[in-house]
């Protein structure tokens, strides 16, 4: 499940698995899918606007 959190004045969609935040909900869902499958994509992580 992707969560929404305000980062600055704009919302960010957070991956429930790793906690990274993205401006686009589709990217957050893709990150969560990759996290749950056990693979990591540096391309996806580089698009994050928030990392815990």
C-alpha atoms as a PDB file:
ATOM      1  CA  UNK A   1       0.000   0.000   0.000  1.00  0.00           C
ATOM      2  CA  UNK A   2       1.345   3.399  -0.967  1.00  0.00           C
ATOM      3  CA  UNK A   3       1.010   6.218   1.564  1.00  0.00           C
ATOM      4  CA  UNK A   4       0.752   9.967   0.941  1.00  0.00           C
ATOM      5  CA  UNK A   5       2.892  12.390   2.970  1.00  0.00           C
ATOM      6  CA  UNK A   6       3.436  16.114   2.466  1.00  0.00           C
ATOM      7  CA  UNK A   7       7.084  16.864   1.739  1.00  0.00           C
ATOM      8  CA  UNK A   8       7.406  20.619   1.697  1.00  0.00           C
ATOM      9  CA  UNK A   9       4.278  21.994   0.053  1.00  0.00           C
ATOM     10  CA  UNK A  10       3.733  19.022  -2.293  1.00  0.00           C
ATOM     11  CA  UNK A  11       2.492  15.486  -1.631  1.00  0.00           C
ATOM     12  CA  UNK A  12       4.834  12.541  -1.993  1.00  0.00           C
ATOM     13  CA  UNK A  13       3.732   8.947  -2.406  1.00  0.00           C
ATOM     14  CA  UNK A  14       5.680   6.628  -0.101  1.00  0.00           C
ATOM     15  CA  UNK A  15       6.584   3.027  -0.800  1.00  0.00           C
ATOM     16  CA  UNK A  16       5.340   0.970   2.149  1.00  0.00           C
ATOM     17  CA  UNK A  17       8.300  -1.409   1.939  1.00  0.00           C
ATOM     18  CA  UNK A  18      11.340   0.897   1.826  1.00  0.00           C
ATOM     19  CA  UNK A  19       9.794   4.282   2.685  1.00  0.00           C
ATOM     20  CA  UNK A  20      11.107   6.190  -0.352  1.00  0.00           C
ATOM     21  CA  UNK A  21       8.840   8.995  -1.539  1.00  0.00           C
ATOM     22  CA  UNK A  22       7.928   9.887  -5.125  1.00  0.00           C
ATOM     23  CA  UNK A  23       5.900  12.676  -6.754  1.00  0.00           C
ATOM     24  CA  UNK A  24       4.168  10.163  -9.052  1.00  0.00           C
ATOM     25  CA  UNK A  25       1.978   7.461  -7.474  1.00  0.00           C
ATOM     26  CA  UNK A  26       2.694   5.040 -10.344  1.00  0.00           C
ATOM     27  CA  UNK A  27       6.419   5.173  -9.584  1.00  0.00           C
ATOM     28  CA  UNK A  28       5.721   4.506  -5.883  1.00  0.00           C
ATOM     29  CA  UNK A  29       3.618   1.450  -6.781  1.00  0.00           C
ATOM     30  CA  UNK A  30       6.394   0.214  -9.075  1.00  0.00           C
ATOM     31  CA  UNK A  31       8.974   0.698  -6.292  1.00  0.00           C
ATOM     32  CA  UNK A  32       6.780  -1.233  -3.878  1.00  0.00           C
ATOM     33  CA  UNK A  33       6.340  -4.062  -6.409  1.00  0.00           C
ATOM     34  CA  UNK A  34      10.113  -4.265  -6.902  1.00  0.00           C
ATOM     35  CA  UNK A  35      10.786  -4.174  -3.148  1.00  0.00           C
ATOM     36  CA  UNK A  36       8.354  -7.015  -2.490  1.00  0.00           C
ATOM     37  CA  UNK A  37       9.886  -9.139  -5.254  1.00  0.00           C
ATOM     38  CA  UNK A  38      13.343  -8.665  -3.717  1.00  0.00           C
ATOM     39  CA  UNK A  39      14.905  -6.749  -6.589  1.00  0.00           C
ATOM     40  CA  UNK A  40      16.069  -3.148  -6.483  1.00  0.00           C
ATOM     41  CA  UNK A  41      16.145  -0.626  -9.297  1.00  0.00           C
ATOM     42  CA  UNK A  42      18.606   2.245  -9.032  1.00  0.00           C
ATOM     43  CA  UNK A  43      16.632   4.035 -11.759  1.00  0.00           C
ATOM     44  CA  UNK A  44      13.521   4.051  -9.544  1.00  0.00           C
ATOM     45  CA  UNK A  45      15.429   5.041  -6.389  1.00  0.00           C
ATOM     46  CA  UNK A  46      17.129   7.922  -8.206  1.00  0.00           C
ATOM     47  CA  UNK A  47      13.684   9.413  -8.937  1.00  0.00           C
ATOM     48  CA  UNK A  48      12.752   9.603  -5.239  1.00  0.00           C
ATOM     49  CA  UNK A  49      12.222  12.972  -3.584  1.00  0.00           C
ATOM     50  CA  UNK A  50      12.400  11.542  -0.063  1.00  0.00           C
ATOM     51  CA  UNK A  51      14.487   8.746   1.439  1.00  0.00           C
ATOM     52  CA  UNK A  52      14.209   7.723   5.103  1.00  0.00           C
END
